[in-house]
Protein backbone atom coordinates (compact mmCIF):
# COMPACT_ATOMS: atom_id res chain seq x y z
CA MET A 1 -130.43 17.44 13.32
CA PRO A 2 -128.75 14.30 14.56
CA THR A 3 -128.18 14.07 18.28
CA ASN A 4 -124.77 12.47 17.98
CA LYS A 5 -122.56 15.14 16.43
CA GLN A 6 -118.92 14.24 16.71
CA LYS A 7 -116.34 16.19 14.82
CA ARG A 8 -112.94 14.82 14.16
CA LYS A 9 -110.05 16.99 15.14
CA ALA A 10 -107.92 17.70 12.12
CA SER A 11 -104.27 16.89 12.57
CA PRO A 12 -101.74 19.10 10.87
CA HIS A 13 -100.14 17.39 7.92
CA THR A 14 -97.37 19.93 7.43
CA LYS A 15 -95.31 19.06 10.50
CA ALA A 16 -92.88 16.22 10.08
CA LYS A 17 -92.21 13.95 12.99
CA THR A 18 -88.59 13.88 14.11
CA VAL A 19 -86.92 10.96 15.74
CA LYS A 20 -84.94 11.74 18.87
CA GLY A 21 -81.40 10.47 18.95
CA ASN A 22 -80.97 10.64 15.20
CA GLN A 23 -77.66 12.45 14.67
CA LYS A 24 -76.85 14.47 11.62
CA SER A 25 -74.13 12.96 9.53
CA GLY A 26 -71.19 15.31 9.55
CA LEU A 27 -67.47 15.03 9.20
CA ILE A 28 -66.68 15.14 12.93
CA THR A 29 -69.57 12.90 13.91
CA SER A 30 -68.66 10.27 11.33
CA HIS A 31 -64.90 10.22 12.17
CA ARG A 32 -64.94 10.89 15.90
CA LYS A 33 -61.74 9.22 17.06
CA THR A 34 -59.70 10.73 14.26
CA PHE A 35 -60.77 14.23 15.26
CA VAL A 36 -59.98 13.52 18.91
CA TYR A 37 -56.43 12.65 17.85
CA ILE A 38 -56.21 15.71 15.58
CA GLY A 39 -57.36 17.94 18.44
CA LEU A 40 -54.79 16.43 20.79
CA PHE A 41 -52.12 16.94 18.14
CA PHE A 42 -53.02 20.64 17.91
CA VAL A 43 -52.81 20.93 21.70
CA ALA A 44 -49.40 19.24 21.76
CA PHE A 45 -48.20 21.42 18.88
CA GLY A 46 -49.38 24.57 20.67
CA ILE A 47 -47.57 23.56 23.86
CA TYR A 48 -44.42 22.85 21.84
CA LEU A 49 -44.60 26.28 20.24
CA LEU A 50 -45.14 27.94 23.61
CA THR A 51 -42.18 26.23 25.25
CA PHE A 52 -39.56 26.38 22.49
CA LYS A 53 -40.57 28.98 19.88
CA SER A 54 -42.51 31.65 21.77
CA HIS A 55 -39.81 34.36 21.63
CA ASP A 56 -41.50 35.77 18.51
CA SER A 57 -44.95 37.31 18.88
CA ALA A 58 -46.19 35.62 15.69
CA MET A 59 -45.27 32.20 17.05
CA PHE A 60 -46.99 33.02 20.34
CA GLY A 61 -50.17 33.88 18.43
CA LEU A 62 -49.94 30.71 16.36
CA ALA A 63 -49.46 28.69 19.55
CA MET A 64 -52.56 30.24 21.12
CA ILE A 65 -54.65 29.63 18.01
CA SER A 66 -53.42 26.04 17.86
CA LEU A 67 -54.22 25.46 21.54
CA ILE A 68 -57.72 26.91 21.27
CA ALA A 69 -58.56 25.05 18.06
CA GLY A 70 -57.17 21.79 19.46
CA VAL A 71 -59.09 22.01 22.72
CA ILE A 72 -62.36 22.84 20.97
CA THR A 73 -61.93 20.09 18.37
CA ALA A 74 -60.94 17.43 20.90
CA PHE A 75 -63.72 18.40 23.32
CA TYR A 76 -66.43 18.42 20.64
CA ALA A 77 -65.27 15.12 19.15
CA SER A 78 -65.04 13.44 22.55
CA PHE A 79 -68.48 14.78 23.46
CA THR A 80 -69.96 13.10 20.38
CA VAL A 81 -68.12 9.86 21.25
CA ALA A 82 -69.61 9.88 24.75
CA LYS A 83 -73.16 10.09 23.37
CA LYS A 84 -72.86 6.82 21.47
CA THR A 85 -74.21 3.89 23.49
CA ASN A 86 -74.71 0.27 22.59
CA LYS A 87 -78.12 -1.08 23.57
CA ARG A 88 -78.41 -4.80 24.10
CA VAL A 89 -81.74 -6.52 24.23
């Protein structure tokens, strides 16, 4: 038997290496500023419905849905805008 027995450690070939910072291409992530404006429009529309048209319960519900959807859309789109940084070398 040889005195120098060195075994190589097998590396798994099934796992794929992922690159950090690589964003998935989606509709909101590709058109960030547009969705910020759309979210702010929904918020403004919901406030308009609350102030002028909220005497009907259906309009109150539509205003609440518009406010919630607008806030979530604007927040998510602005969060993805804040992640983007320009690196200069």
